[in-house]
Amino acid sequence: MARNTLTPDQIVRAAIELLDDEGLDGLNMRSLGARLGTAATAVYWHIKTKDELVRLAGDAVWSEVELPDLDATGWRQAAAAMAGSMHAMLTRHPWLGQAFGSHLLYGPGKSRHDDHSLALYEKAGFAPADADRAAATVFVYVLGSALGAAAQVSLTRRLGKSGDPEKELADTMAAATEVAMAFPRLRDRLGDAAAAGYTAGPDSAFDFGLASVLDGFETRLAASGTDAPQGP
């Protein structure tokens, strides 16, 4: 692909694919150029640094998050939809959670999401300052919930470069289980058919936690007498 036919959008899309496949450590201009069928210098013509490329890729994936119509949907249903969609996006792109701790990320995609989130909680009945807090609470909860999946992908990728990841993970789980058996509540869980569910984390944990957060919001709104109608 010639330099003059390469566009920033093509570069960012290819970078997202490379990040999905190889993670933050696997992103470099040479590998990206090879994926695009061009020299690394052609990439630098459009995007000067790796940090800028991560910022652009990190912002682009926010367009995947569903933004419900707040005029047609009750606030709680909209909040659950946005949170679930954000969680799915972070799971599809596990490098993004890691990038939050190592890069300065901003852009119109993230701002679009954040503005809609604030509008949602203002519609629910929160004053602007409390809408900020509610939006931040859900954001941090979703981000934290997705970090487990991101860490698993990163760990499996790293182990795969040095040996047999399945064997190393199995050996580690066996050692961790042996330690946990000394603690009664962990022993109870590890000793029955739910052991696999305990070690991996219950499938419903995200939904349970999110419902608990939204329950708390409803309680605060009801106590203040400002709870908005749920809508359709």
Foldseek 3Di string as FASTA:
>chain_A
DDLVVDDPVVLLVLQQVQCLVQNPVRDDLQVSQVSVVHHSVSVCVHPPDPLRSCQVNLLVLLVQFDQDDPQAFFLLVRLVSRLVSVLVSCLSRVNSLVCVVPHDHDDDSVVVSLVSQLVSVVLQFDDSVVSNVLSVVSVVLSSVVNNVSSVVVVQLSVVVVPDHSVVVVVVVVVVVLVVQCVPVVLVVCCVDPCNVCVVVPHPCVSVVVSVVSVVVVVVVCVVVVRGHDRHD
